């Protein structure tokens, strides 16, 4: 089902938006991914992913209040849409089906250099 296709980083971003719920904006998403996954995230890659996910209809954004600490600029908050939830559920189901299809013996293999 190509219509629900998510890349690995897109999935991570969407799941992080869900984790942060009402506090999901660019900097908080970046920090949460870096903290939880011990993975560096560039601002550009994150912004591209957020824009792509909005274009796909999986996320929607809304401006918050303007603040002095941001020189009067508002934060842009993100939330998962109904389509985004379906895409995440599809990804999860697909991964679970694949995990369940792996024979137990395939994961019990010991390293054998020949």
N, C-alpha and C. Protein backbone atom coordinates (compact mmCIF):
# COMPACT_ATOMS: atom_id res chain seq x y z
N UNK A 1 0.84 -1.19 0.00
CA UNK A 1 0.00 0.00 0.00
C UNK A 1 0.87 1.24 0.00
N UNK A 2 1.18 1.74 -1.15
CA UNK A 2 2.09 2.86 -1.26
C UNK A 2 1.53 4.13 -0.62
N UNK A 3 0.23 4.27 -0.55
CA UNK A 3 -0.33 5.52 -0.04
C UNK A 3 0.00 5.77 1.44
N UNK A 4 0.37 4.73 2.18
CA UNK A 4 0.74 4.91 3.58
C UNK A 4 2.23 4.76 3.82
N UNK A 5 3.01 4.86 2.75
CA UNK A 5 4.45 4.66 2.88
C UNK A 5 5.11 5.77 3.69
N UNK A 6 5.93 5.35 4.66
CA UNK A 6 6.70 6.27 5.50
C UNK A 6 8.15 5.82 5.50
N UNK A 7 9.05 6.77 5.35
CA UNK A 7 10.46 6.46 5.52
C UNK A 7 10.76 6.30 7.01
N UNK A 8 11.92 5.73 7.30
CA UNK A 8 12.29 5.47 8.70
C UNK A 8 12.35 6.78 9.49
N UNK A 9 12.99 7.80 8.95
CA UNK A 9 13.09 9.07 9.67
C UNK A 9 11.72 9.74 9.80
N UNK A 10 10.91 9.64 8.77
CA UNK A 10 9.55 10.20 8.85
C UNK A 10 8.76 9.52 9.97
N UNK A 11 8.90 8.23 10.07
CA UNK A 11 8.21 7.50 11.14
C UNK A 11 8.69 7.97 12.52
N UNK A 12 10.00 8.12 12.66
CA UNK A 12 10.57 8.59 13.93
C UNK A 12 10.02 9.98 14.26
N UNK A 13 9.97 10.85 13.27
CA UNK A 13 9.46 12.21 13.49
C UNK A 13 7.99 12.16 13.92
N UNK A 14 7.19 11.38 13.22
CA UNK A 14 5.77 11.30 13.58
C UNK A 14 5.56 10.71 14.97
N UNK A 15 6.29 9.66 15.29
CA UNK A 15 6.16 9.07 16.62
C UNK A 15 6.57 10.08 17.69
N UNK A 16 7.58 10.86 17.42
CA UNK A 16 8.04 11.88 18.37
C UNK A 16 7.00 12.98 18.53
N UNK A 17 6.35 13.35 17.45
CA UNK A 17 5.25 14.33 17.54
C UNK A 17 4.17 13.76 18.47
N UNK A 18 3.89 12.48 18.34
CA UNK A 18 2.91 11.84 19.23
C UNK A 18 3.37 11.84 20.68
N UNK A 19 4.63 11.54 20.91
CA UNK A 19 5.18 11.53 22.27
C UNK A 19 5.06 12.91 22.90
N UNK A 20 5.39 13.93 22.14
CA UNK A 20 5.38 15.31 22.67
C UNK A 20 3.98 15.90 22.75
N UNK A 21 3.06 15.34 22.00
CA UNK A 21 1.66 15.74 21.97
C UNK A 21 1.50 17.25 21.77
N UNK A 22 1.06 17.97 22.75
CA UNK A 22 0.78 19.41 22.59
C UNK A 22 2.05 20.27 22.59
N UNK A 23 3.20 19.69 22.86
CA UNK A 23 4.46 20.43 22.92
C UNK A 23 5.39 20.10 21.74
N UNK A 24 4.82 19.62 20.63
CA UNK A 24 5.62 19.21 19.48
C UNK A 24 5.86 20.38 18.53
N UNK A 25 7.02 21.00 18.65
CA UNK A 25 7.46 22.04 17.71
C UNK A 25 8.91 21.72 17.35
N UNK A 26 9.44 22.37 16.35
CA UNK A 26 10.74 22.02 15.79
C UNK A 26 11.83 21.69 16.79
N UNK A 27 12.15 22.62 17.69
CA UNK A 27 13.25 22.41 18.64
C UNK A 27 12.94 21.26 19.59
N UNK A 28 11.71 21.16 20.07
CA UNK A 28 11.39 20.09 21.01
C UNK A 28 11.44 18.72 20.33
N UNK A 29 11.03 18.66 19.07
CA UNK A 29 11.08 17.40 18.32
C UNK A 29 12.54 16.98 18.13
N UNK A 30 13.37 17.92 17.73
CA UNK A 30 14.80 17.65 17.53
C UNK A 30 15.45 17.14 18.81
N UNK A 31 15.21 17.83 19.92
CA UNK A 31 15.80 17.44 21.21
C UNK A 31 15.31 16.06 21.65
N UNK A 32 14.03 15.79 21.47
CA UNK A 32 13.46 14.51 21.89
C UNK A 32 14.06 13.35 21.10
N UNK A 33 14.20 13.52 19.80
CA UNK A 33 14.80 12.46 18.97
C UNK A 33 16.25 12.25 19.39
N UNK A 34 16.99 13.33 19.56
CA UNK A 34 18.40 13.21 19.94
C UNK A 34 18.57 12.55 21.30
N UNK A 35 17.69 12.88 22.25
CA UNK A 35 17.77 12.31 23.59
C UNK A 35 17.35 10.84 23.60
N UNK A 36 16.21 10.54 23.02
CA UNK A 36 15.68 9.17 23.07
C UNK A 36 16.48 8.19 22.22
N UNK A 37 16.96 8.65 21.06
CA UNK A 37 17.60 7.73 20.12
C UNK A 37 19.11 7.89 20.06
N UNK A 38 19.67 8.83 20.83
CA UNK A 38 21.11 9.12 20.77
C UNK A 38 21.54 9.29 19.32
N UNK A 39 20.80 10.12 18.62
CA UNK A 39 20.99 10.30 17.18
C UNK A 39 20.97 11.78 16.88
N UNK A 40 22.00 12.27 16.21
CA UNK A 40 22.05 13.68 15.84
C UNK A 40 21.03 13.95 14.74
N UNK A 41 20.35 15.08 14.83
CA UNK A 41 19.35 15.47 13.85
C UNK A 41 19.66 16.88 13.38
N UNK A 42 19.82 17.05 12.09
CA UNK A 42 20.06 18.40 11.57
C UNK A 42 18.72 19.13 11.46
N UNK A 43 18.77 20.42 11.66
CA UNK A 43 17.55 21.23 11.56
C UNK A 43 16.96 21.11 10.17
N UNK A 44 17.82 21.14 9.15
CA UNK A 44 17.36 21.05 7.77
C UNK A 44 16.63 19.74 7.47
N UNK A 45 17.19 18.63 7.93
CA UNK A 45 16.55 17.33 7.70
C UNK A 45 15.20 17.25 8.41
N UNK A 46 15.15 17.79 9.62
CA UNK A 46 13.90 17.78 10.37
C UNK A 46 12.85 18.65 9.69
N UNK A 47 13.24 19.85 9.29
CA UNK A 47 12.29 20.75 8.63
C UNK A 47 11.77 20.16 7.33
N UNK A 48 12.66 19.50 6.57
CA UNK A 48 12.24 18.85 5.32
C UNK A 48 11.24 17.74 5.60
N UNK A 49 11.51 16.94 6.61
CA UNK A 49 10.61 15.84 6.96
C UNK A 49 9.25 16.38 7.42
N UNK A 50 9.27 17.41 8.26
CA UNK A 50 8.00 17.99 8.73
C UNK A 50 7.18 18.53 7.56
N UNK A 51 7.84 19.21 6.63
CA UNK A 51 7.14 19.76 5.47
C UNK A 51 6.57 18.64 4.60
N UNK A 52 7.36 17.58 4.37
CA UNK A 52 6.91 16.44 3.59
C UNK A 52 5.70 15.76 4.24
N UNK A 53 5.77 15.58 5.55
CA UNK A 53 4.68 14.93 6.27
C UNK A 53 3.40 15.77 6.24
N UNK A 54 3.57 17.08 6.27
CA UNK A 54 2.39 17.96 6.13
C UNK A 54 1.81 17.84 4.73
N UNK A 55 2.67 17.81 3.72
CA UNK A 55 2.21 17.70 2.33
C UNK A 55 1.48 16.38 2.10
N UNK A 56 1.94 15.32 2.76
CA UNK A 56 1.27 14.02 2.65
C UNK A 56 -0.05 13.99 3.43
N UNK A 57 -0.26 14.99 4.28
CA UNK A 57 -1.48 15.03 5.08
C UNK A 57 -1.39 14.25 6.37
N UNK A 58 -0.18 13.87 6.80
CA UNK A 58 0.01 13.07 8.01
C UNK A 58 0.20 13.93 9.26
N UNK A 59 0.63 15.16 9.06
CA UNK A 59 0.78 16.12 10.16
C UNK A 59 0.07 17.40 9.77
N UNK A 60 -0.35 18.14 10.79
CA UNK A 60 -0.83 19.49 10.54
C UNK A 60 -0.14 20.40 11.54
N UNK A 61 0.01 21.65 11.16
CA UNK A 61 0.70 22.60 12.04
C UNK A 61 -0.21 23.77 12.37
N UNK A 62 0.14 24.39 13.50
CA UNK A 62 -0.61 25.55 13.96
C UNK A 62 0.35 26.46 14.71
N UNK A 63 0.25 27.75 14.45
CA UNK A 63 1.11 28.71 15.15
C UNK A 63 0.65 28.89 16.58
N UNK A 64 1.64 28.96 17.47
CA UNK A 64 1.37 29.26 18.87
C UNK A 64 1.46 30.76 19.10
N UNK A 65 1.53 31.14 20.34
CA UNK A 65 1.66 32.55 20.70
C UNK A 65 3.06 33.06 20.36
N UNK A 66 3.15 34.30 19.95
CA UNK A 66 4.45 34.94 19.75
C UNK A 66 5.06 35.22 21.12
N UNK A 67 6.37 35.03 21.22
CA UNK A 67 7.03 35.25 22.51
C UNK A 67 8.21 36.19 22.34
N UNK A 68 8.57 36.88 23.42
CA UNK A 68 9.72 37.79 23.39
C UNK A 68 11.01 37.03 23.17
N UNK A 69 11.13 35.86 23.79
CA UNK A 69 12.37 35.08 23.66
C UNK A 69 12.62 34.65 22.21
N UNK A 70 11.57 34.63 21.39
CA UNK A 70 11.72 34.29 19.97
C UNK A 70 11.58 35.53 19.09
N UNK A 71 11.86 36.68 19.65
CA UNK A 71 11.81 37.96 18.93
C UNK A 71 10.45 38.19 18.27
N UNK A 72 9.40 37.78 18.98
CA UNK A 72 8.04 38.01 18.49
C UNK A 72 7.54 36.97 17.51
N UNK A 73 8.37 35.99 17.17
CA UNK A 73 7.93 34.94 16.24
C UNK A 73 7.21 33.83 17.01
N UNK A 74 6.12 33.31 16.46
CA UNK A 74 5.42 32.22 17.13
C UNK A 74 6.07 30.87 16.83
N UNK A 75 5.91 29.92 17.73
CA UNK A 75 6.35 28.54 17.49
C UNK A 75 5.32 27.90 16.57
N UNK A 76 5.77 26.96 15.77
CA UNK A 76 4.88 26.20 14.90
C UNK A 76 4.72 24.81 15.51
N UNK A 77 3.54 24.53 16.02
CA UNK A 77 3.25 23.26 16.70
C UNK A 77 2.67 22.25 15.70
N UNK A 78 3.04 20.98 15.87
CA UNK A 78 2.58 19.93 14.97
C UNK A 78 1.74 18.91 15.72
N UNK A 79 0.79 18.32 14.99
CA UNK A 79 0.02 17.20 15.53
C UNK A 79 -0.28 16.21 14.43
N UNK A 80 -0.50 14.98 14.83
CA UNK A 80 -0.78 13.90 13.89
C UNK A 80 -2.24 13.98 13.45
N UNK A 81 -2.46 13.81 12.14
CA UNK A 81 -3.82 13.81 11.59
C UNK A 81 -4.38 12.38 11.60
N UNK A 82 -5.65 12.23 11.23
CA UNK A 82 -6.25 10.90 11.14
C UNK A 82 -5.51 10.06 10.09
N UNK A 83 -5.13 10.67 8.97
CA UNK A 83 -4.36 9.95 7.94
C UNK A 83 -2.99 9.55 8.47
N UNK A 84 -2.40 10.42 9.26
CA UNK A 84 -1.11 10.13 9.87
C UNK A 84 -1.20 8.94 10.81
N UNK A 85 -2.27 8.89 11.58
CA UNK A 85 -2.49 7.75 12.49
C UNK A 85 -2.61 6.46 11.69
N UNK A 86 -3.35 6.50 10.58
CA UNK A 86 -3.49 5.31 9.74
C UNK A 86 -2.14 4.89 9.16
N UNK A 87 -1.33 5.85 8.75
CA UNK A 87 0.00 5.54 8.20
C UNK A 87 0.87 4.88 9.26
N UNK A 88 0.85 5.42 10.49
CA UNK A 88 1.63 4.81 11.57
C UNK A 88 1.14 3.41 11.89
N UNK A 89 -0.17 3.23 11.93
CA UNK A 89 -0.74 1.91 12.20
C UNK A 89 -0.36 0.92 11.10
N UNK A 90 -0.36 1.38 9.86
CA UNK A 90 0.02 0.53 8.73
C UNK A 90 1.48 0.11 8.86
N UNK A 91 2.36 1.07 9.17
CA UNK A 91 3.78 0.76 9.36
C UNK A 91 3.98 -0.25 10.49
N UNK A 92 3.29 -0.03 11.59
CA UNK A 92 3.42 -0.93 12.74
C UNK A 92 2.94 -2.34 12.38
N UNK A 93 1.80 -2.43 11.72
CA UNK A 93 1.26 -3.74 11.33
C UNK A 93 2.21 -4.46 10.37
N UNK A 94 2.75 -3.71 9.41
CA UNK A 94 3.68 -4.30 8.45
C UNK A 94 4.92 -4.83 9.15
N UNK A 95 5.49 -4.04 10.05
CA UNK A 95 6.67 -4.49 10.80
C UNK A 95 6.35 -5.72 11.66
N UNK A 96 5.22 -5.70 12.33
CA UNK A 96 4.83 -6.84 13.17
C UNK A 96 4.65 -8.11 12.34
N UNK A 97 4.03 -7.97 11.16
CA UNK A 97 3.85 -9.13 10.28
C UNK A 97 5.20 -9.70 9.87
N UNK A 98 6.14 -8.83 9.54
CA UNK A 98 7.47 -9.29 9.15
C UNK A 98 8.19 -9.96 10.32
N UNK A 99 8.13 -9.34 11.50
CA UNK A 99 8.76 -9.95 12.68
C UNK A 99 8.16 -11.32 12.97
N UNK A 100 6.83 -11.39 12.88
CA UNK A 100 6.14 -12.66 13.17
C UNK A 100 6.46 -13.74 12.14
N UNK A 101 6.85 -13.35 10.93
CA UNK A 101 7.13 -14.32 9.87
C UNK A 101 8.56 -14.88 9.95
N UNK A 102 9.42 -14.27 10.75
CA UNK A 102 10.80 -14.76 10.87
C UNK A 102 10.80 -16.04 11.70
N UNK A 103 11.34 -17.11 11.13
CA UNK A 103 11.43 -18.34 11.92
C UNK A 103 12.33 -18.12 13.14
N UNK A 104 11.96 -18.66 14.27
CA UNK A 104 12.72 -18.47 15.51
C UNK A 104 14.19 -18.82 15.31
N UNK A 105 14.44 -19.89 14.58
CA UNK A 105 15.81 -20.34 14.37
C UNK A 105 16.65 -19.28 13.62
N UNK A 106 16.02 -18.46 12.82
CA UNK A 106 16.75 -17.45 12.06
C UNK A 106 17.37 -16.40 12.96
N UNK A 107 16.78 -16.15 14.11
CA UNK A 107 17.32 -15.17 15.04
C UNK A 107 18.18 -15.80 16.12
N UNK A 108 18.26 -17.12 16.15
CA UNK A 108 19.07 -17.83 17.14
C UNK A 108 20.44 -18.21 16.59
N UNK A 109 20.78 -17.73 15.43
CA UNK A 109 22.04 -18.09 14.78
C UNK A 109 23.22 -17.52 15.56
N UNK A 110 24.19 -18.38 15.80
CA UNK A 110 25.44 -17.97 16.45
C UNK A 110 26.42 -17.57 15.37
N UNK A 111 27.32 -16.66 15.69
CA UNK A 111 28.33 -16.23 14.72
C UNK A 111 29.21 -17.41 14.34
N UNK A 112 29.34 -17.65 13.04
CA UNK A 112 30.17 -18.74 12.54
C UNK A 112 31.04 -18.17 11.42
N UNK A 113 32.35 -18.02 11.68
CA UNK A 113 33.21 -17.43 10.65
C UNK A 113 33.57 -18.42 9.54
N UNK A 114 32.90 -19.53 9.45
CA UNK A 114 33.03 -20.59 8.42
C UNK A 114 33.73 -21.75 8.93
